[in-house]
Amino acid sequence: MANTSSAKKMVRKIERRTAVNKARRSRVRTYLRKVEEAIASGDQAAAQDALRVAQSEMFRAVSKGVVAKNTASRKVSRLSSRVKAISA
C-alpha cells in the first residue's frame, strides 16, 4: 500500500482516470455493437448511420488515449467493408 502522501494522491488519480477510461471504452463498445446489430439485420442505411457515429466515437477514444490509432483504423476499416458488402 502507498506510504507517502504523493503516492496516495497518485492512487486516487489513477482510480479516477481508470473509471473515466472504462466508461469511454464501454461507450465505444456500445456503438460498435450497434453497427454489428445493423449489419446482422441487413439494413444498409441503418448500418451506415451507425458506422458513422461509431467511427467518430472510435477516433475520439483515440484522441483520449483509450484506444490505439491503428486499432481504431483497423476496426473501422473492417466494419466499413462489411457494411459495403451488405448491398452486394
N, C-alpha and C. Protein backbone atom coordinates (compact mmCIF):
# COMPACT_ATOMS: atom_id res chain seq x y z
N MET A 1 0.85 -1.19 0.00
CA MET A 1 0.00 0.00 0.00
C MET A 1 0.88 1.24 0.00
N ALA A 2 0.34 2.32 -0.53
CA ALA A 2 1.10 3.56 -0.63
C ALA A 2 1.41 4.14 0.74
N ASN A 3 2.66 4.57 0.91
CA ASN A 3 3.08 5.14 2.19
C ASN A 3 3.07 6.66 2.17
N THR A 4 3.66 7.23 1.15
CA THR A 4 3.81 8.68 1.12
C THR A 4 2.53 9.34 0.66
N SER A 5 2.42 10.63 0.97
CA SER A 5 1.22 11.36 0.59
C SER A 5 1.13 11.48 -0.93
N SER A 6 2.27 11.64 -1.61
CA SER A 6 2.23 11.75 -3.07
C SER A 6 1.80 10.43 -3.70
N ALA A 7 2.24 9.32 -3.12
CA ALA A 7 1.84 8.02 -3.64
C ALA A 7 0.34 7.79 -3.42
N LYS A 8 -0.17 8.24 -2.28
CA LYS A 8 -1.61 8.10 -2.01
C LYS A 8 -2.41 8.94 -3.00
N LYS A 9 -1.90 10.14 -3.29
CA LYS A 9 -2.58 11.00 -4.25
C LYS A 9 -2.57 10.36 -5.64
N MET A 10 -1.46 9.76 -6.02
CA MET A 10 -1.38 9.09 -7.32
C MET A 10 -2.39 7.95 -7.41
N VAL A 11 -2.56 7.22 -6.31
CA VAL A 11 -3.54 6.13 -6.29
C VAL A 11 -4.94 6.69 -6.55
N ARG A 12 -5.26 7.82 -5.92
CA ARG A 12 -6.57 8.44 -6.14
C ARG A 12 -6.73 8.89 -7.59
N LYS A 13 -5.69 9.50 -8.14
CA LYS A 13 -5.75 9.97 -9.52
C LYS A 13 -5.92 8.82 -10.50
N ILE A 14 -5.18 7.74 -10.25
CA ILE A 14 -5.25 6.58 -11.13
C ILE A 14 -6.65 5.96 -11.09
N GLU A 15 -7.26 5.91 -9.91
CA GLU A 15 -8.61 5.36 -9.79
C GLU A 15 -9.60 6.18 -10.60
N ARG A 16 -9.49 7.52 -10.51
CA ARG A 16 -10.40 8.38 -11.27
C ARG A 16 -10.19 8.20 -12.77
N ARG A 17 -8.92 8.18 -13.19
CA ARG A 17 -8.60 8.04 -14.61
C ARG A 17 -9.08 6.69 -15.15
N THR A 18 -8.92 5.65 -14.33
CA THR A 18 -9.36 4.31 -14.73
C THR A 18 -10.87 4.28 -14.94
N ALA A 19 -11.60 4.93 -14.04
CA ALA A 19 -13.06 4.96 -14.17
C ALA A 19 -13.48 5.69 -15.44
N VAL A 20 -12.82 6.79 -15.75
CA VAL A 20 -13.15 7.56 -16.95
C VAL A 20 -12.84 6.74 -18.20
N ASN A 21 -11.66 6.11 -18.23
CA ASN A 21 -11.27 5.33 -19.39
C ASN A 21 -12.19 4.13 -19.58
N LYS A 22 -12.61 3.54 -18.46
CA LYS A 22 -13.52 2.39 -18.53
C LYS A 22 -14.85 2.81 -19.15
N ALA A 23 -15.34 3.98 -18.77
CA ALA A 23 -16.59 4.49 -19.32
C ALA A 23 -16.45 4.77 -20.81
N ARG A 24 -15.32 5.34 -21.20
CA ARG A 24 -15.09 5.64 -22.62
C ARG A 24 -15.02 4.36 -23.44
N ARG A 25 -14.31 3.37 -22.92
CA ARG A 25 -14.18 2.11 -23.64
C ARG A 25 -15.54 1.43 -23.77
N SER A 26 -16.35 1.49 -22.72
CA SER A 26 -17.68 0.90 -22.75
C SER A 26 -18.56 1.61 -23.78
N ARG A 27 -18.43 2.92 -23.85
CA ARG A 27 -19.20 3.71 -24.82
C ARG A 27 -18.84 3.32 -26.25
N VAL A 28 -17.55 3.14 -26.50
CA VAL A 28 -17.09 2.74 -27.83
C VAL A 28 -17.66 1.37 -28.17
N ARG A 29 -17.60 0.45 -27.23
CA ARG A 29 -18.10 -0.91 -27.49
C ARG A 29 -19.59 -0.90 -27.79
N THR A 30 -20.33 -0.02 -27.11
CA THR A 30 -21.77 0.08 -27.36
C THR A 30 -22.04 0.49 -28.80
N TYR A 31 -21.31 1.49 -29.27
CA TYR A 31 -21.52 1.95 -30.65
C TYR A 31 -21.08 0.89 -31.66
N LEU A 32 -20.01 0.17 -31.36
CA LEU A 32 -19.59 -0.91 -32.26
C LEU A 32 -20.64 -2.02 -32.30
N ARG A 33 -21.25 -2.31 -31.15
CA ARG A 33 -22.28 -3.33 -31.10
C ARG A 33 -23.50 -2.91 -31.93
N LYS A 34 -23.82 -1.61 -31.91
CA LYS A 34 -24.95 -1.13 -32.71
C LYS A 34 -24.69 -1.32 -34.20
N VAL A 35 -23.45 -1.13 -34.62
CA VAL A 35 -23.10 -1.36 -36.02
C VAL A 35 -23.26 -2.84 -36.34
N GLU A 36 -22.76 -3.70 -35.46
CA GLU A 36 -22.86 -5.15 -35.66
C GLU A 36 -24.32 -5.58 -35.80
N GLU A 37 -25.18 -5.02 -34.95
CA GLU A 37 -26.60 -5.38 -34.99
C GLU A 37 -27.25 -4.92 -36.29
N ALA A 38 -26.87 -3.73 -36.76
CA ALA A 38 -27.42 -3.22 -38.02
C ALA A 38 -26.95 -4.08 -39.19
N ILE A 39 -25.69 -4.53 -39.13
CA ILE A 39 -25.17 -5.41 -40.19
C ILE A 39 -25.93 -6.74 -40.17
N ALA A 40 -26.16 -7.27 -38.98
CA ALA A 40 -26.85 -8.55 -38.84
C ALA A 40 -28.29 -8.46 -39.35
N SER A 41 -28.93 -7.30 -39.16
CA SER A 41 -30.31 -7.13 -39.61
C SER A 41 -30.38 -6.96 -41.13
N GLY A 42 -29.26 -6.59 -41.76
CA GLY A 42 -29.22 -6.45 -43.20
C GLY A 42 -29.68 -5.10 -43.70
N ASP A 43 -29.86 -4.14 -42.81
CA ASP A 43 -30.30 -2.80 -43.18
C ASP A 43 -29.08 -1.92 -43.43
N GLN A 44 -28.80 -1.66 -44.71
CA GLN A 44 -27.57 -0.94 -45.03
C GLN A 44 -27.62 0.52 -44.60
N ALA A 45 -28.78 1.16 -44.71
CA ALA A 45 -28.89 2.56 -44.33
C ALA A 45 -28.64 2.73 -42.83
N ALA A 46 -29.23 1.86 -42.03
CA ALA A 46 -29.03 1.92 -40.59
C ALA A 46 -27.58 1.60 -40.24
N ALA A 47 -27.00 0.65 -40.96
CA ALA A 47 -25.61 0.27 -40.71
C ALA A 47 -24.67 1.42 -41.03
N GLN A 48 -24.93 2.15 -42.11
CA GLN A 48 -24.08 3.28 -42.47
C GLN A 48 -24.18 4.39 -41.43
N ASP A 49 -25.40 4.65 -40.97
CA ASP A 49 -25.57 5.67 -39.93
C ASP A 49 -24.85 5.27 -38.65
N ALA A 50 -25.02 4.02 -38.26
CA ALA A 50 -24.38 3.53 -37.04
C ALA A 50 -22.86 3.55 -37.19
N LEU A 51 -22.37 3.22 -38.38
CA LEU A 51 -20.92 3.24 -38.61
C LEU A 51 -20.36 4.64 -38.51
N ARG A 52 -21.09 5.61 -39.04
CA ARG A 52 -20.61 7.00 -38.99
C ARG A 52 -20.47 7.46 -37.54
N VAL A 53 -21.46 7.15 -36.71
CA VAL A 53 -21.41 7.54 -35.30
C VAL A 53 -20.31 6.77 -34.58
N ALA A 54 -20.19 5.48 -34.87
CA ALA A 54 -19.17 4.65 -34.22
C ALA A 54 -17.77 5.09 -34.61
N GLN A 55 -17.60 5.51 -35.84
CA GLN A 55 -16.29 5.94 -36.30
C GLN A 55 -15.84 7.19 -35.55
N SER A 56 -16.74 8.15 -35.40
CA SER A 56 -16.37 9.37 -34.67
C SER A 56 -16.06 9.04 -33.21
N GLU A 57 -16.83 8.11 -32.65
CA GLU A 57 -16.60 7.72 -31.25
C GLU A 57 -15.26 7.00 -31.09
N MET A 58 -14.92 6.15 -32.06
CA MET A 58 -13.64 5.44 -32.02
C MET A 58 -12.47 6.43 -32.04
N PHE A 59 -12.54 7.40 -32.94
CA PHE A 59 -11.43 8.33 -33.07
C PHE A 59 -11.38 9.33 -31.92
N ARG A 60 -12.52 9.56 -31.27
CA ARG A 60 -12.50 10.36 -30.05
C ARG A 60 -11.75 9.58 -28.96
N ALA A 61 -11.99 8.27 -28.90
CA ALA A 61 -11.28 7.43 -27.93
C ALA A 61 -9.79 7.42 -28.22
N VAL A 62 -9.42 7.46 -29.50
CA VAL A 62 -8.00 7.52 -29.87
C VAL A 62 -7.39 8.81 -29.35
N SER A 63 -8.09 9.92 -29.53
CA SER A 63 -7.54 11.20 -29.09
C SER A 63 -7.42 11.26 -27.58
N LYS A 64 -8.25 10.51 -26.86
CA LYS A 64 -8.17 10.48 -25.40
C LYS A 64 -7.18 9.44 -24.89
N GLY A 65 -6.63 8.63 -25.80
CA GLY A 65 -5.63 7.66 -25.40
C GLY A 65 -6.18 6.34 -24.90
N VAL A 66 -7.46 6.09 -25.14
CA VAL A 66 -8.08 4.86 -24.67
C VAL A 66 -7.79 3.71 -25.62
N VAL A 67 -7.77 4.03 -26.92
CA VAL A 67 -7.56 3.02 -27.96
C VAL A 67 -6.41 3.49 -28.83
N ALA A 68 -5.61 2.54 -29.31
CA ALA A 68 -4.51 2.88 -30.20
C ALA A 68 -5.05 3.26 -31.58
N LYS A 69 -4.34 4.13 -32.26
CA LYS A 69 -4.80 4.65 -33.55
C LYS A 69 -4.97 3.55 -34.59
N ASN A 70 -3.98 2.67 -34.69
CA ASN A 70 -4.07 1.59 -35.69
C ASN A 70 -5.21 0.63 -35.38
N THR A 71 -5.47 0.40 -34.11
CA THR A 71 -6.56 -0.48 -33.71
C THR A 71 -7.89 0.11 -34.17
N ALA A 72 -8.07 1.40 -33.93
CA ALA A 72 -9.31 2.06 -34.33
C ALA A 72 -9.46 2.04 -35.84
N SER A 73 -8.38 2.33 -36.55
CA SER A 73 -8.43 2.34 -38.01
C SER A 73 -8.77 0.96 -38.55
N ARG A 74 -8.18 -0.07 -37.96
CA ARG A 74 -8.44 -1.44 -38.41
C ARG A 74 -9.90 -1.82 -38.19
N LYS A 75 -10.44 -1.49 -37.02
CA LYS A 75 -11.83 -1.84 -36.72
C LYS A 75 -12.79 -1.11 -37.64
N VAL A 76 -12.54 0.18 -37.86
CA VAL A 76 -13.41 0.96 -38.72
C VAL A 76 -13.34 0.44 -40.15
N SER A 77 -12.14 0.11 -40.61
CA SER A 77 -11.97 -0.40 -41.96
C SER A 77 -12.73 -1.70 -42.15
N ARG A 78 -12.60 -2.60 -41.22
CA ARG A 78 -13.28 -3.90 -41.33
C ARG A 78 -14.79 -3.75 -41.28
N LEU A 79 -15.27 -2.86 -40.40
CA LEU A 79 -16.71 -2.65 -40.32
C LEU A 79 -17.24 -2.00 -41.60
N SER A 80 -16.50 -1.03 -42.14
CA SER A 80 -16.98 -0.37 -43.34
C SER A 80 -17.03 -1.32 -44.53
N SER A 81 -16.06 -2.24 -44.60
CA SER A 81 -16.11 -3.21 -45.70
C SER A 81 -17.28 -4.16 -45.53
N ARG A 82 -17.63 -4.48 -44.30
CA ARG A 82 -18.80 -5.35 -44.06
C ARG A 82 -20.10 -4.62 -44.38
N VAL A 83 -20.14 -3.32 -44.05
CA VAL A 83 -21.34 -2.53 -44.37
C VAL A 83 -21.50 -2.42 -45.88
N LYS A 84 -20.39 -2.21 -46.57
CA LYS A 84 -20.43 -2.11 -48.03
C LYS A 84 -20.88 -3.42 -48.67
N ALA A 85 -20.53 -4.53 -48.05
CA ALA A 85 -20.86 -5.85 -48.60
C ALA A 85 -22.35 -6.19 -48.46
N ILE A 86 -23.07 -5.44 -47.63
CA ILE A 86 -24.50 -5.75 -47.45
C ILE A 86 -25.25 -5.59 -48.76
N SER A 87 -24.94 -4.55 -49.52
CA SER A 87 -25.68 -4.28 -50.75
C SER A 87 -25.35 -5.28 -51.86
N ALA A 88 -24.15 -5.87 -51.77
CA ALA A 88 -23.72 -6.78 -52.84
C ALA A 88 -24.44 -8.11 -52.80
